[in-house]
Amino acid sequence: MPSNKRPRRLNYAVNKKWPKTGWKVGNAVAHYTKLQERIKFEWETKWLLNAVKIVTVKLNKYQINLNKI
């Protein structure tokens, strides 16, 4: 017996009210700026350089220009 209800399970992505990557970009930019402040204060440690490398890969993936941050 077919039901007359629409299949909500198939419309999961359509029913979302916000994009899935909503805060990822903002958090990546905030993380990058915080790391830059720490580098000015603590100098360039290996941990900070590795963290900056990871964040720059994320920003490049989101196509954000590092010169405008």
PDB file of N, CA and C in Angstrom:
ATOM      1  N   MET A   1       0.826  -1.177   0.000  1.00  0.00           N
ATOM      2  CA  MET A   1       0.000   0.000   0.000  1.00  0.00           C
ATOM      3  C   MET A   1       0.879   1.253   0.000  1.00  0.00           C
ATOM      4  N   PRO A   2       0.879   2.045  -1.035  1.00  0.00           N
ATOM      5  CA  PRO A   2       1.710   3.253  -1.055  1.00  0.00           C
ATOM      6  C   PRO A   2       1.096   4.347  -0.193  1.00  0.00           C
ATOM      7  N   SER A   3       1.969   5.059   0.513  1.00  0.00           N
ATOM      8  CA  SER A   3       1.473   6.159   1.337  1.00  0.00           C
ATOM      9  C   SER A   3       1.505   7.455   0.536  1.00  0.00           C
ATOM     10  N   ASN A   4       0.699   8.391   0.933  1.00  0.00           N
ATOM     11  CA  ASN A   4       0.624   9.659   0.226  1.00  0.00           C
ATOM     12  C   ASN A   4       1.567  10.709   0.800  1.00  0.00           C
ATOM     13  N   LYS A   5       2.324  10.337   1.806  1.00  0.00           N
ATOM     14  CA  LYS A   5       3.267  11.292   2.387  1.00  0.00           C
ATOM     15  C   LYS A   5       4.506  11.389   1.514  1.00  0.00           C
ATOM     16  N   ARG A   6       5.097  12.567   1.491  1.00  0.00           N
ATOM     17  CA  ARG A   6       6.321  12.715   0.714  1.00  0.00           C
ATOM     18  C   ARG A   6       7.487  12.111   1.485  1.00  0.00           C
ATOM     19  N   PRO A   7       8.476  11.589   0.809  1.00  0.00           N
ATOM     20  CA  PRO A   7       9.597  10.926   1.492  1.00  0.00           C
ATOM     21  C   PRO A   7      10.572  11.944   2.070  1.00  0.00           C
ATOM     22  N   ARG A   8      10.419  12.259   3.336  1.00  0.00           N
ATOM     23  CA  ARG A   8      11.290  13.249   3.976  1.00  0.00           C
ATOM     24  C   ARG A   8      12.731  12.761   4.049  1.00  0.00           C
ATOM     25  N   ARG A   9      12.903  11.459   4.107  1.00  0.00           N
ATOM     26  CA  ARG A   9      14.248  10.905   4.190  1.00  0.00           C
ATOM     27  C   ARG A   9      15.072  11.267   2.960  1.00  0.00           C
ATOM     28  N   LEU A  10      14.446  11.353   1.814  1.00  0.00           N
ATOM     29  CA  LEU A  10      15.170  11.659   0.577  1.00  0.00           C
ATOM     30  C   LEU A  10      15.441  13.150   0.420  1.00  0.00           C
ATOM     31  N   ASN A  11      14.724  13.979   1.156  1.00  0.00           N
ATOM     32  CA  ASN A  11      14.870  15.431   1.040  1.00  0.00           C
ATOM     33  C   ASN A  11      15.687  16.014   2.182  1.00  0.00           C
ATOM     34  N   TYR A  12      16.565  15.229   2.789  1.00  0.00           N
ATOM     35  CA  TYR A  12      17.317  15.691   3.954  1.00  0.00           C
ATOM     36  C   TYR A  12      18.165  16.927   3.634  1.00  0.00           C
ATOM     37  N   ALA A  13      18.885  16.894   2.525  1.00  0.00           N
ATOM     38  CA  ALA A  13      19.763  18.012   2.183  1.00  0.00           C
ATOM     39  C   ALA A  13      18.942  19.241   1.811  1.00  0.00           C
ATOM     40  N   VAL A  14      17.777  19.039   1.241  1.00  0.00           N
ATOM     41  CA  VAL A  14      16.945  20.176   0.844  1.00  0.00           C
ATOM     42  C   VAL A  14      16.332  20.842   2.063  1.00  0.00           C
ATOM     43  N   ASN A  15      16.047  20.054   3.099  1.00  0.00           N
ATOM     44  CA  ASN A  15      15.387  20.594   4.283  1.00  0.00           C
ATOM     45  C   ASN A  15      16.329  21.349   5.209  1.00  0.00           C
ATOM     46  N   LYS A  16      17.615  21.283   4.979  1.00  0.00           N
ATOM     47  CA  LYS A  16      18.552  22.019   5.817  1.00  0.00           C
ATOM     48  C   LYS A  16      18.351  23.517   5.610  1.00  0.00           C
ATOM     49  N   LYS A  17      18.399  24.262   6.701  1.00  0.00           N
ATOM     50  CA  LYS A  17      18.168  25.705   6.618  1.00  0.00           C
ATOM     51  C   LYS A  17      19.467  26.495   6.486  1.00  0.00           C
ATOM     52  N   TRP A  18      20.607  25.817   6.596  1.00  0.00           N
ATOM     53  CA  TRP A  18      21.897  26.496   6.480  1.00  0.00           C
ATOM     54  C   TRP A  18      22.855  25.574   5.728  1.00  0.00           C
ATOM     55  N   PRO A  19      23.910  26.134   5.131  1.00  0.00           N
ATOM     56  CA  PRO A  19      24.866  25.286   4.432  1.00  0.00           C
ATOM     57  C   PRO A  19      25.684  24.455   5.423  1.00  0.00           C
ATOM     58  N   LYS A  20      26.152  23.323   4.979  1.00  0.00           N
ATOM     59  CA  LYS A  20      26.903  22.440   5.864  1.00  0.00           C
ATOM     60  C   LYS A  20      28.236  23.048   6.271  1.00  0.00           C
ATOM     61  N   THR A  21      28.825  23.880   5.419  1.00  0.00           N
ATOM     62  CA  THR A  21      30.133  24.460   5.721  1.00  0.00           C
ATOM     63  C   THR A  21      30.000  25.859   6.300  1.00  0.00           C
ATOM     64  N   GLY A  22      28.884  26.168   6.910  1.00  0.00           N
ATOM     65  CA  GLY A  22      28.590  27.527   7.362  1.00  0.00           C
ATOM     66  C   GLY A  22      29.658  28.180   8.198  1.00  0.00           C
ATOM     67  N   TRP A  23      30.116  27.519   9.261  1.00  0.00           N
ATOM     68  CA  TRP A  23      31.058  28.166  10.166  1.00  0.00           C
ATOM     69  C   TRP A  23      32.494  27.757   9.917  1.00  0.00           C
ATOM     70  N   LYS A  24      32.733  26.837   9.020  1.00  0.00           N
ATOM     71  CA  LYS A  24      34.092  26.362   8.793  1.00  0.00           C
ATOM     72  C   LYS A  24      35.002  27.474   8.282  1.00  0.00           C
ATOM     73  N   VAL A  25      34.486  28.291   7.380  1.00  0.00           N
ATOM     74  CA  VAL A  25      35.301  29.349   6.794  1.00  0.00           C
ATOM     75  C   VAL A  25      35.641  30.398   7.853  1.00  0.00           C
ATOM     76  N   GLY A  26      34.646  30.831   8.611  1.00  0.00           N
ATOM     77  CA  GLY A  26      34.881  31.830   9.655  1.00  0.00           C
ATOM     78  C   GLY A  26      35.832  31.333  10.716  1.00  0.00           C
ATOM     79  N   ASN A  27      35.683  30.077  11.104  1.00  0.00           N
ATOM     80  CA  ASN A  27      36.580  29.514  12.110  1.00  0.00           C
ATOM     81  C   ASN A  27      38.002  29.390  11.583  1.00  0.00           C
ATOM     82  N   ALA A  28      38.153  29.059  10.317  1.00  0.00           N
ATOM     83  CA  ALA A  28      39.498  28.952   9.742  1.00  0.00           C
ATOM     84  C   ALA A  28      40.175  30.319   9.691  1.00  0.00           C
ATOM     85  N   VAL A  29      39.427  31.352   9.332  1.00  0.00           N
ATOM     86  CA  VAL A  29      40.000  32.709   9.288  1.00  0.00           C
ATOM     87  C   VAL A  29      40.372  33.168  10.692  1.00  0.00           C
ATOM     88  N   ALA A  30      39.499  32.913  11.667  1.00  0.00           N
ATOM     89  CA  ALA A  30      39.796  33.307  13.048  1.00  0.00           C
ATOM     90  C   ALA A  30      41.006  32.550  13.577  1.00  0.00           C
ATOM     91  N   HIS A  31      41.118  31.289  13.242  1.00  0.00           N
ATOM     92  CA  HIS A  31      42.265  30.489  13.679  1.00  0.00           C
ATOM     93  C   HIS A  31      43.559  31.019  13.071  1.00  0.00           C
ATOM     94  N   TYR A  32      43.508  31.396  11.796  1.00  0.00           N
ATOM     95  CA  TYR A  32      44.701  31.925  11.128  1.00  0.00           C
ATOM     96  C   TYR A  32      45.151  33.236  11.775  1.00  0.00           C
ATOM     97  N   THR A  33      44.212  34.130  12.040  1.00  0.00           N
ATOM     98  CA  THR A  33      44.592  35.408  12.648  1.00  0.00           C
ATOM     99  C   THR A  33      45.119  35.210  14.067  1.00  0.00           C
ATOM    100  N   LYS A  34      44.539  34.271  14.809  1.00  0.00           N
ATOM    101  CA  LYS A  34      45.022  34.003  16.157  1.00  0.00           C
ATOM    102  C   LYS A  34      46.426  33.413  16.125  1.00  0.00           C
ATOM    103  N   LEU A  35      46.688  32.555  15.151  1.00  0.00           N
ATOM    104  CA  LEU A  35      48.032  31.988  15.026  1.00  0.00           C
ATOM    105  C   LEU A  35      49.055  33.057  14.647  1.00  0.00           C
ATOM    106  N   GLN A  36      48.656  33.997  13.807  1.00  0.00           N
ATOM    107  CA  GLN A  36      49.578  35.081  13.439  1.00  0.00           C
ATOM    108  C   GLN A  36      49.925  35.939  14.660  1.00  0.00           C
ATOM    109  N   GLU A  37      48.940  36.190  15.524  1.00  0.00           N
ATOM    110  CA  GLU A  37      49.219  36.945  16.751  1.00  0.00           C
ATOM    111  C   GLU A  37      50.157  36.166  17.668  1.00  0.00           C
ATOM    112  N   ARG A  38      49.953  34.855  17.760  1.00  0.00           N
ATOM    113  CA  ARG A  38      50.826  34.035  18.602  1.00  0.00           C
ATOM    114  C   ARG A  38      52.237  33.989  18.057  1.00  0.00           C
ATOM    115  N   ILE A  39      52.380  33.982  16.731  1.00  0.00           N
ATOM    116  CA  ILE A  39      53.728  33.979  16.143  1.00  0.00           C
ATOM    117  C   ILE A  39      54.449  35.280  16.460  1.00  0.00           C
ATOM    118  N   LYS A  40      53.726  36.395  16.452  1.00  0.00           N
ATOM    119  CA  LYS A  40      54.358  37.669  16.827  1.00  0.00           C
ATOM    120  C   LYS A  40      54.801  37.657  18.283  1.00  0.00           C
ATOM    121  N   PHE A  41      54.009  37.011  19.140  1.00  0.00           N
ATOM    122  CA  PHE A  41      54.303  37.014  20.578  1.00  0.00           C
ATOM    123  C   PHE A  41      55.333  35.950  20.950  1.00  0.00           C
ATOM    124  N   GLU A  42      55.163  34.719  20.437  1.00  0.00           N
ATOM    125  CA  GLU A  42      56.010  33.598  20.843  1.00  0.00           C
ATOM    126  C   GLU A  42      57.135  33.284  19.866  1.00  0.00           C
ATOM    127  N   TRP A  43      57.191  33.955  18.737  1.00  0.00           N
ATOM    128  CA  TRP A  43      58.113  33.677  17.654  1.00  0.00           C
ATOM    129  C   TRP A  43      57.695  32.397  16.962  1.00  0.00           C
ATOM    130  N   GLU A  44      58.503  31.941  16.045  1.00  0.00           N
ATOM    131  CA  GLU A  44      58.116  30.813  15.204  1.00  0.00           C
ATOM    132  C   GLU A  44      58.565  29.496  15.828  1.00  0.00           C
ATOM    133  N   THR A  45      57.660  28.842  16.503  1.00  0.00           N
ATOM    134  CA  THR A  45      57.949  27.503  17.010  1.00  0.00           C
ATOM    135  C   THR A  45      57.505  26.491  15.961  1.00  0.00           C
ATOM    136  N   LYS A  46      57.992  25.281  16.109  1.00  0.00           N
ATOM    137  CA  LYS A  46      57.644  24.240  15.136  1.00  0.00           C
ATOM    138  C   LYS A  46      56.142  23.930  15.177  1.00  0.00           C
ATOM    139  N   TRP A  47      55.579  23.930  16.380  1.00  0.00           N
ATOM    140  CA  TRP A  47      54.151  23.657  16.536  1.00  0.00           C
ATOM    141  C   TRP A  47      53.322  24.704  15.808  1.00  0.00           C
ATOM    142  N   LEU A  48      53.678  25.980  15.984  1.00  0.00           N
ATOM    143  CA  LEU A  48      52.926  27.066  15.334  1.00  0.00           C
ATOM    144  C   LEU A  48      53.080  27.012  13.817  1.00  0.00           C
ATOM    145  N   LEU A  49      54.269  26.703  13.336  1.00  0.00           N
ATOM    146  CA  LEU A  49      54.461  26.621  11.894  1.00  0.00           C
ATOM    147  C   LEU A  49      53.649  25.481  11.278  1.00  0.00           C
ATOM    148  N   ASN A  50      53.574  24.350  11.983  1.00  0.00           N
ATOM    149  CA  ASN A  50      52.761  23.244  11.488  1.00  0.00           C
ATOM    150  C   ASN A  50      51.279  23.609  11.499  1.00  0.00           C
ATOM    151  N   ALA A  51      50.836  24.318  12.541  1.00  0.00           N
ATOM    152  CA  ALA A  51      49.432  24.729  12.618  1.00  0.00           C
ATOM    153  C   ALA A  51      49.095  25.715  11.503  1.00  0.00           C
ATOM    154  N   VAL A  52      50.013  26.636  11.211  1.00  0.00           N
ATOM    155  CA  VAL A  52      49.785  27.600  10.130  1.00  0.00           C
ATOM    156  C   VAL A  52      49.729  26.878   8.788  1.00  0.00           C
ATOM    157  N   LYS A  53      50.561  25.873   8.618  1.00  0.00           N
ATOM    158  CA  LYS A  53      50.549  25.115   7.368  1.00  0.00           C
ATOM    159  C   LYS A  53      49.194  24.428   7.159  1.00  0.00           C
ATOM    160  N   ILE A  54      48.647  23.853   8.222  1.00  0.00           N
ATOM    161  CA  ILE A  54      47.351  23.181   8.129  1.00  0.00           C
ATOM    162  C   ILE A  54      46.245  24.180   7.811  1.00  0.00           C
ATOM    163  N   VAL A  55      46.276  25.338   8.468  1.00  0.00           N
ATOM    164  CA  VAL A  55      45.227  26.340   8.256  1.00  0.00           C
ATOM    165  C   VAL A  55      45.327  26.942   6.856  1.00  0.00           C
ATOM    166  N   THR A  56      46.537  27.139   6.350  1.00  0.00           N
ATOM    167  CA  THR A  56      46.657  27.698   5.001  1.00  0.00           C
ATOM    168  C   THR A  56      46.140  26.726   3.950  1.00  0.00           C
ATOM    169  N   VAL A  57      46.302  25.434   4.189  1.00  0.00           N
ATOM    170  CA  VAL A  57      45.729  24.451   3.264  1.00  0.00           C
ATOM    171  C   VAL A  57      44.210  24.560   3.268  1.00  0.00           C
ATOM    172  N   LYS A  58      43.617  24.718   4.461  1.00  0.00           N
ATOM    173  CA  LYS A  58      42.164  24.873   4.542  1.00  0.00           C
ATOM    174  C   LYS A  58      41.707  26.145   3.836  1.00  0.00           C
ATOM    175  N   LEU A  59      42.418  27.247   4.055  1.00  0.00           N
ATOM    176  CA  LEU A  59      42.017  28.505   3.429  1.00  0.00           C
ATOM    177  C   LEU A  59      42.163  28.434   1.915  1.00  0.00           C
ATOM    178  N   ASN A  60      43.192  27.751   1.436  1.00  0.00           N
ATOM    179  CA  ASN A  60      43.332  27.570  -0.011  1.00  0.00           C
ATOM    180  C   ASN A  60      42.201  26.712  -0.555  1.00  0.00           C
ATOM    181  N   LYS A  61      41.773  25.730   0.223  1.00  0.00           N
ATOM    182  CA  LYS A  61      40.666  24.876  -0.201  1.00  0.00           C
ATOM    183  C   LYS A  61      39.374  25.690  -0.312  1.00  0.00           C
ATOM    184  N   TYR A  62      39.180  26.632   0.616  1.00  0.00           N
ATOM    185  CA  TYR A  62      37.994  27.497   0.571  1.00  0.00           C
ATOM    186  C   TYR A  62      38.178  28.688  -0.353  1.00  0.00           C
ATOM    187  N   GLN A  63      39.332  28.770  -1.024  1.00  0.00           N
ATOM    188  CA  GLN A  63      39.659  29.835  -1.966  1.00  0.00           C
ATOM    189  C   GLN A  63      39.602  31.221  -1.315  1.00  0.00           C
ATOM    190  N   ILE A  64      40.241  31.350  -0.178  1.00  0.00           N
ATOM    191  CA  ILE A  64      40.326  32.624   0.534  1.00  0.00           C
ATOM    192  C   ILE A  64      41.729  33.172   0.352  1.00  0.00           C
ATOM    193  N   ASN A  65      41.831  34.416  -0.049  1.00  0.00           N
ATOM    194  CA  ASN A  65      43.115  35.058  -0.289  1.00  0.00           C
ATOM    195  C   ASN A  65      43.735  35.437   1.046  1.00  0.00           C
ATOM    196  N   LEU A  66      44.957  34.968   1.310  1.00  0.00           N
ATOM    197  CA  LEU A  66      45.616  35.243   2.583  1.00  0.00           C
ATOM    198  C   LEU A  66      46.064  36.697   2.703  1.00  0.00           C
ATOM    199  N   ASN A  67      46.230  37.385   1.581  1.00  0.00           N
ATOM    200  CA  ASN A  67      46.676  38.783   1.622  1.00  0.00           C
ATOM    201  C   ASN A  67      45.582  39.724   2.122  1.00  0.00           C
ATOM    202  N   LYS A  68      44.344  39.300   2.044  1.00  0.00           N
ATOM    203  CA  LYS A  68      43.238  40.174   2.466  1.00  0.00           C
ATOM    204  C   LYS A  68      42.742  39.904   3.860  1.00  0.00           C
ATOM    205  N   ILE A  69      43.393  38.989   4.571  1.00  0.00           N
ATOM    206  CA  ILE A  69      42.975  38.689   5.949  1.00  0.00           C
ATOM    207  C   ILE A  69      43.673  39.628   6.897  1.00  0.00           C
TER     208      ILE A  69
END
